[in-house]
């Protein structure tokens, strides 16, 4: 194999590892996810109170952290925005979830990069990252 072929092959392998498949609304709709971490810190909330993110019919997005929220989701180039987003206005006893609540609202209103690998959904904006695990209502 000549030097040019080796360099081309290495470049192709490197670039293929960096690409993320483009998500569609169909991929997300009708699924429910539970939050497992905020910026790398694990969420240790008991089951009935676990923060969730759900994608319903026509990309209706809803869920809860400290507050319940919902709105119309738009997915374009793997960026999810929810406008208008409606939410209750309560505080949690858990400071981590209070911070997460404000972070999630900001991410969804401004647009969060979305990736989905296996059953793990990741929302990223700047240095912030929310990681969710697929947890359907019915298994």
Protein backbone atom coordinates (compact mmCIF):
# COMPACT_ATOMS: atom_id res chain seq x y z
CA UNK A 1 0.00 0.00 0.00
CA UNK A 2 1.43 3.37 -0.93
CA UNK A 3 1.80 6.33 1.42
CA UNK A 4 -1.14 8.29 -0.08
CA UNK A 5 -3.53 5.34 0.32
CA UNK A 6 -2.52 4.87 3.96
CA UNK A 7 -3.02 8.56 4.76
CA UNK A 8 -6.43 8.56 3.02
CA UNK A 9 -7.50 5.43 4.91
CA UNK A 10 -6.41 6.89 8.27
CA UNK A 11 -8.24 10.15 7.56
CA UNK A 12 -11.44 8.28 6.67
CA UNK A 13 -11.28 6.17 9.85
CA UNK A 14 -10.62 9.25 11.99
CA UNK A 15 -13.49 11.25 10.47
CA UNK A 16 -15.96 8.38 10.70
CA UNK A 17 -15.36 8.15 14.45
CA UNK A 18 -16.20 11.83 14.88
CA UNK A 19 -19.42 11.96 12.93
CA UNK A 20 -22.79 11.68 14.65
CA UNK A 21 -25.76 10.39 12.70
CA UNK A 22 -28.43 12.97 12.03
CA UNK A 23 -31.43 12.41 14.29
CA UNK A 24 -34.99 12.73 13.11
CA UNK A 25 -38.14 13.51 15.04
CA UNK A 26 -39.24 9.90 14.42
CA UNK A 27 -36.19 8.66 16.34
CA UNK A 28 -37.13 10.64 19.47
CA UNK A 29 -40.95 10.63 19.38
CA UNK A 30 -42.83 8.29 21.72
CA UNK A 31 -39.87 7.76 24.05
CA UNK A 32 -39.29 8.63 27.70
CA UNK A 33 -35.88 9.25 29.31
CA UNK A 34 -34.71 9.64 32.92
CA UNK A 35 -31.92 12.02 33.88
CA UNK A 36 -28.75 10.27 35.09
CA UNK A 37 -26.26 13.15 35.29
CA UNK A 38 -25.82 16.91 35.11
CA UNK A 39 -22.38 18.08 33.99
CA UNK A 40 -20.91 14.71 35.03
CA UNK A 41 -22.49 14.64 38.51
CA UNK A 42 -24.78 11.64 39.07
CA UNK A 43 -28.45 12.18 39.95
CA UNK A 44 -29.47 10.21 43.03
CA UNK A 45 -33.18 10.92 43.19
CA UNK A 46 -35.59 8.14 44.22
CA UNK A 47 -37.65 6.58 41.42
CA UNK A 48 -41.00 8.40 41.62
CA UNK A 49 -39.24 11.77 41.64
CA UNK A 50 -36.64 11.05 38.92
CA UNK A 51 -36.33 13.91 36.42
CA UNK A 52 -37.69 12.94 33.01
CA UNK A 53 -37.78 14.09 29.41
CA UNK A 54 -40.48 12.77 27.08
CA UNK A 55 -41.09 13.15 23.36
CA UNK A 56 -44.71 12.81 22.31
CA UNK A 57 -46.67 13.02 19.08
CA UNK A 58 -45.56 15.78 16.69
CA UNK A 59 -42.45 16.44 18.86
CA UNK A 60 -44.42 17.62 21.88
CA UNK A 61 -41.72 17.73 24.58
CA UNK A 62 -42.58 17.39 28.27
CA UNK A 63 -41.04 16.27 31.52
CA UNK A 64 -40.07 17.28 35.01
CA UNK A 65 -37.07 18.26 37.06
CA UNK A 66 -38.14 20.46 39.99
CA UNK A 67 -40.81 21.82 37.71
CA UNK A 68 -43.03 20.23 35.13
CA UNK A 69 -42.48 21.64 31.65
CA UNK A 70 -43.80 21.21 28.13
CA UNK A 71 -43.71 22.80 24.73
CA UNK A 72 -43.38 22.27 21.03
CA UNK A 73 -40.02 20.79 20.09
CA UNK A 74 -38.14 21.48 16.87
CA UNK A 75 -35.23 19.31 15.75
CA UNK A 76 -32.87 20.66 13.08
CA UNK A 77 -29.32 19.44 12.44
CA UNK A 78 -29.34 17.57 15.77
CA UNK A 79 -30.25 20.75 17.69
CA UNK A 80 -33.40 20.59 19.81
CA UNK A 81 -35.30 23.74 20.72
CA UNK A 82 -38.60 23.99 22.58
CA UNK A 83 -40.58 27.18 21.96
CA UNK A 84 -42.69 28.27 23.60
CA UNK A 85 -41.76 26.36 26.73
CA UNK A 86 -44.21 26.44 29.61
CA UNK A 87 -43.21 25.51 33.13
CA UNK A 88 -44.40 25.53 36.71
CA UNK A 89 -42.42 27.75 39.11
CA UNK A 90 -41.38 25.74 42.17
CA UNK A 91 -38.14 25.19 44.05
CA UNK A 92 -36.70 21.79 44.95
CA UNK A 93 -35.10 20.90 48.24
CA UNK A 94 -32.20 19.53 46.15
CA UNK A 95 -29.83 22.32 44.95
CA UNK A 96 -28.49 20.10 42.13
CA UNK A 97 -31.99 19.73 40.69
CA UNK A 98 -32.69 23.46 41.08
CA UNK A 99 -29.59 24.20 39.02
CA UNK A 100 -30.54 21.47 36.54
CA UNK A 101 -34.03 22.91 36.19
CA UNK A 102 -32.72 26.34 35.17
CA UNK A 103 -30.06 24.76 32.94
CA UNK A 104 -32.53 22.55 31.09
CA UNK A 105 -34.93 25.45 30.49
CA UNK A 106 -32.11 27.57 29.06
CA UNK A 107 -30.79 24.72 26.92
CA UNK A 108 -34.17 23.93 25.40
CA UNK A 109 -35.08 27.56 24.76
CA UNK A 110 -31.72 28.43 23.13
CA UNK A 111 -31.17 25.04 21.49
CA UNK A 112 -29.26 22.00 22.72
CA UNK A 113 -27.14 19.66 20.63
CA UNK A 114 -28.71 16.19 20.85
CA UNK A 115 -26.99 12.86 20.44
CA UNK A 116 -28.40 9.39 20.89
CA UNK A 117 -26.21 6.33 21.29
CA UNK A 118 -27.84 3.03 22.18
CA UNK A 119 -30.28 4.08 24.95
CA UNK A 120 -28.40 7.18 26.10
CA UNK A 121 -29.65 10.63 25.12
CA UNK A 122 -27.24 13.54 25.62
CA UNK A 123 -28.13 17.24 25.53
CA UNK A 124 -25.14 19.57 25.22
CA UNK A 125 -24.84 23.34 25.18
CA UNK A 126 -21.47 25.01 25.70
CA UNK A 127 -19.74 23.30 28.62
CA UNK A 128 -23.04 21.93 30.02
CA UNK A 129 -24.25 18.40 29.47
CA UNK A 130 -27.36 16.52 30.57
CA UNK A 131 -27.35 12.75 30.13
CA UNK A 132 -30.58 10.76 30.05
CA UNK A 133 -31.20 7.01 29.92
CA UNK A 134 -34.13 5.49 28.02
CA UNK A 135 -36.82 4.47 30.50
CA UNK A 136 -40.12 3.77 28.81
CA UNK A 137 -43.38 3.71 30.77
CA UNK A 138 -43.94 0.12 29.65
CA UNK A 139 -41.10 -2.35 29.09
